[in-house]
Amino acid sequence: MINVLDDSQLTEGLFSPVCSLCIHEKDEHRRCSAFKGKPIPLKIWSGSIRHTSPFPGDNGIQFESARK
């Protein structure tokens, strides 16, 4: 049996198509090394922006794949 998590009813998903695959994501919801003390912007969290280039407030830290 395969379990599927459907978070489509939530305003912001529990998992991000970008951030959940990044080495900088923290164990706290919408937190990472780039956006110290602030939530990851929804444009990045939702996957609208892949965050492979600088984004305002990212402290020079962009996406790095956790899958190597």
N, C-alpha and C. Protein backbone atom coordinates (compact mmCIF):
# COMPACT_ATOMS: atom_id res chain seq x y z
N MET A 1 0.84 -1.18 0.00
CA MET A 1 0.00 0.00 0.00
C MET A 1 0.89 1.24 0.00
N ILE A 2 0.55 2.21 -0.83
CA ILE A 2 1.29 3.46 -0.91
C ILE A 2 0.46 4.56 -0.27
N ASN A 3 1.06 5.26 0.67
CA ASN A 3 0.40 6.40 1.31
C ASN A 3 0.76 7.67 0.57
N VAL A 4 -0.23 8.50 0.31
CA VAL A 4 -0.01 9.75 -0.39
C VAL A 4 -0.47 10.88 0.51
N LEU A 5 0.39 11.87 0.69
CA LEU A 5 0.03 13.04 1.49
C LEU A 5 -0.55 14.08 0.56
N ASP A 6 -1.79 14.45 0.77
CA ASP A 6 -2.45 15.47 -0.04
C ASP A 6 -2.59 16.73 0.80
N ASP A 7 -1.73 17.70 0.54
CA ASP A 7 -1.81 18.95 1.30
C ASP A 7 -2.42 20.07 0.46
N SER A 8 -3.14 19.72 -0.62
CA SER A 8 -3.69 20.71 -1.53
C SER A 8 -4.77 21.58 -0.89
N GLN A 9 -5.37 21.15 0.20
CA GLN A 9 -6.40 21.94 0.87
C GLN A 9 -5.80 23.02 1.77
N LEU A 10 -4.53 22.96 2.02
CA LEU A 10 -3.87 23.94 2.89
C LEU A 10 -3.49 25.18 2.09
N THR A 11 -3.44 26.34 2.74
CA THR A 11 -3.06 27.56 2.04
C THR A 11 -1.58 27.54 1.67
N GLU A 12 -0.78 26.90 2.46
CA GLU A 12 0.64 26.70 2.14
C GLU A 12 0.96 25.26 2.48
N GLY A 13 1.42 24.52 1.52
CA GLY A 13 1.68 23.10 1.72
C GLY A 13 2.67 22.82 2.83
N LEU A 14 2.59 21.63 3.36
CA LEU A 14 3.53 21.20 4.40
C LEU A 14 4.91 20.93 3.81
N PHE A 15 4.93 20.57 2.54
CA PHE A 15 6.18 20.26 1.85
C PHE A 15 6.31 21.18 0.65
N SER A 16 7.53 21.53 0.33
CA SER A 16 7.81 22.42 -0.79
C SER A 16 8.49 21.64 -1.91
N PRO A 17 8.08 21.86 -3.17
CA PRO A 17 8.75 21.19 -4.27
C PRO A 17 10.19 21.67 -4.46
N VAL A 18 10.53 22.77 -3.85
CA VAL A 18 11.90 23.30 -3.91
C VAL A 18 12.61 23.07 -2.58
N CYS A 19 12.10 23.66 -1.54
CA CYS A 19 12.77 23.68 -0.24
C CYS A 19 12.92 22.31 0.41
N SER A 20 11.95 21.45 0.22
CA SER A 20 12.02 20.13 0.84
C SER A 20 13.15 19.28 0.26
N LEU A 21 13.71 19.72 -0.85
CA LEU A 21 14.82 19.01 -1.49
C LEU A 21 16.15 19.73 -1.32
N CYS A 22 16.18 20.76 -0.49
CA CYS A 22 17.37 21.61 -0.32
C CYS A 22 18.09 21.33 0.99
N ILE A 23 19.41 21.41 0.96
CA ILE A 23 20.20 21.15 2.16
C ILE A 23 20.06 22.26 3.21
N HIS A 24 19.56 23.42 2.82
CA HIS A 24 19.46 24.55 3.74
C HIS A 24 18.16 24.58 4.54
N GLU A 25 17.18 23.73 4.19
CA GLU A 25 15.92 23.73 4.91
C GLU A 25 16.14 23.22 6.33
N LYS A 26 15.45 23.82 7.28
CA LYS A 26 15.53 23.42 8.68
C LYS A 26 14.33 22.53 9.01
N ASP A 27 14.32 21.95 10.19
CA ASP A 27 13.22 21.07 10.61
C ASP A 27 11.98 21.85 11.04
N GLU A 28 12.05 23.16 11.02
CA GLU A 28 10.90 24.00 11.36
C GLU A 28 10.18 24.39 10.07
N HIS A 29 8.86 24.50 10.12
CA HIS A 29 8.07 24.82 8.93
C HIS A 29 8.48 26.15 8.30
N ARG A 30 8.80 26.13 7.02
CA ARG A 30 9.18 27.28 6.20
C ARG A 30 10.37 28.05 6.77
N ARG A 31 11.36 27.33 7.28
CA ARG A 31 12.58 27.97 7.79
C ARG A 31 13.80 27.37 7.10
N CYS A 32 14.80 28.22 6.85
CA CYS A 32 16.04 27.74 6.27
C CYS A 32 17.18 28.69 6.60
N SER A 33 18.38 28.29 6.25
CA SER A 33 19.58 29.09 6.52
C SER A 33 19.55 30.43 5.78
N ALA A 34 18.93 30.47 4.62
CA ALA A 34 18.93 31.69 3.80
C ALA A 34 18.12 32.81 4.43
N PHE A 35 16.97 32.50 4.96
CA PHE A 35 16.06 33.51 5.49
C PHE A 35 16.03 33.45 7.01
N LYS A 36 17.16 33.76 7.59
CA LYS A 36 17.36 33.67 9.03
C LYS A 36 16.29 34.42 9.82
N GLY A 37 15.56 33.70 10.66
CA GLY A 37 14.56 34.32 11.51
C GLY A 37 13.26 34.69 10.82
N LYS A 38 13.17 34.46 9.52
CA LYS A 38 11.96 34.78 8.77
C LYS A 38 11.50 33.55 8.02
N PRO A 39 10.20 33.45 7.74
CA PRO A 39 9.73 32.31 6.95
C PRO A 39 10.23 32.40 5.51
N ILE A 40 10.40 31.27 4.87
CA ILE A 40 10.76 31.23 3.46
C ILE A 40 9.61 31.88 2.68
N PRO A 41 9.90 32.81 1.78
CA PRO A 41 8.83 33.46 1.00
C PRO A 41 7.97 32.43 0.26
N LEU A 42 6.66 32.67 0.23
CA LEU A 42 5.74 31.74 -0.40
C LEU A 42 6.04 31.50 -1.88
N LYS A 43 6.58 32.50 -2.58
CA LYS A 43 6.93 32.31 -3.99
C LYS A 43 7.95 31.19 -4.14
N ILE A 44 8.86 31.09 -3.20
CA ILE A 44 9.86 30.02 -3.24
C ILE A 44 9.25 28.74 -2.69
N TRP A 45 8.60 28.82 -1.53
CA TRP A 45 8.03 27.63 -0.88
C TRP A 45 7.05 26.90 -1.81
N SER A 46 6.25 27.65 -2.56
CA SER A 46 5.24 27.05 -3.43
C SER A 46 5.83 26.47 -4.71
N GLY A 47 7.08 26.85 -5.02
CA GLY A 47 7.70 26.36 -6.24
C GLY A 47 7.56 27.30 -7.42
N SER A 48 6.94 28.47 -7.21
CA SER A 48 6.82 29.46 -8.30
C SER A 48 8.20 29.95 -8.73
N ILE A 49 9.11 30.01 -7.75
CA ILE A 49 10.50 30.39 -8.01
C ILE A 49 11.38 29.25 -7.51
N ARG A 50 12.33 28.82 -8.32
CA ARG A 50 13.18 27.68 -7.96
C ARG A 50 14.31 28.06 -7.00
N HIS A 51 14.58 29.31 -6.82
CA HIS A 51 15.60 29.84 -5.93
C HIS A 51 17.01 29.34 -6.27
N THR A 52 17.30 29.32 -7.56
CA THR A 52 18.65 28.98 -8.02
C THR A 52 19.46 30.23 -8.35
N SER A 53 18.86 31.40 -8.15
CA SER A 53 19.56 32.67 -8.30
C SER A 53 19.15 33.55 -7.12
N PRO A 54 19.90 34.62 -6.87
CA PRO A 54 19.62 35.45 -5.69
C PRO A 54 18.18 35.94 -5.62
N PHE A 55 17.67 35.99 -4.39
CA PHE A 55 16.32 36.47 -4.09
C PHE A 55 16.47 37.45 -2.94
N PRO A 56 15.72 38.57 -2.95
CA PRO A 56 15.86 39.54 -1.87
C PRO A 56 15.73 38.90 -0.48
N GLY A 57 16.72 39.17 0.37
CA GLY A 57 16.69 38.69 1.74
C GLY A 57 17.25 37.30 1.96
N ASP A 58 17.83 36.67 0.90
CA ASP A 58 18.31 35.29 1.07
C ASP A 58 19.74 35.19 1.59
N ASN A 59 20.34 36.32 1.95
CA ASN A 59 21.69 36.34 2.54
C ASN A 59 22.73 35.62 1.69
N GLY A 60 22.53 35.63 0.36
CA GLY A 60 23.50 35.01 -0.55
C GLY A 60 23.44 33.49 -0.60
N ILE A 61 22.40 32.90 -0.01
CA ILE A 61 22.25 31.44 0.02
C ILE A 61 21.11 31.05 -0.89
N GLN A 62 21.38 30.18 -1.88
CA GLN A 62 20.35 29.69 -2.78
C GLN A 62 20.22 28.18 -2.68
N PHE A 63 19.27 27.64 -3.44
CA PHE A 63 18.99 26.20 -3.45
C PHE A 63 20.24 25.38 -3.73
N GLU A 64 20.44 24.35 -2.91
CA GLU A 64 21.46 23.33 -3.14
C GLU A 64 20.79 22.00 -2.86
N SER A 65 20.82 21.13 -3.83
CA SER A 65 20.13 19.85 -3.71
C SER A 65 20.68 19.01 -2.57
N ALA A 66 19.77 18.44 -1.81
CA ALA A 66 20.15 17.50 -0.75
C ALA A 66 20.42 16.11 -1.35
N ARG A 67 19.99 15.91 -2.58
CA ARG A 67 20.21 14.65 -3.29
C ARG A 67 21.47 14.76 -4.10
N LYS A 68 22.47 14.03 -3.72
CA LYS A 68 23.75 14.08 -4.44
C LYS A 68 24.11 12.71 -4.93
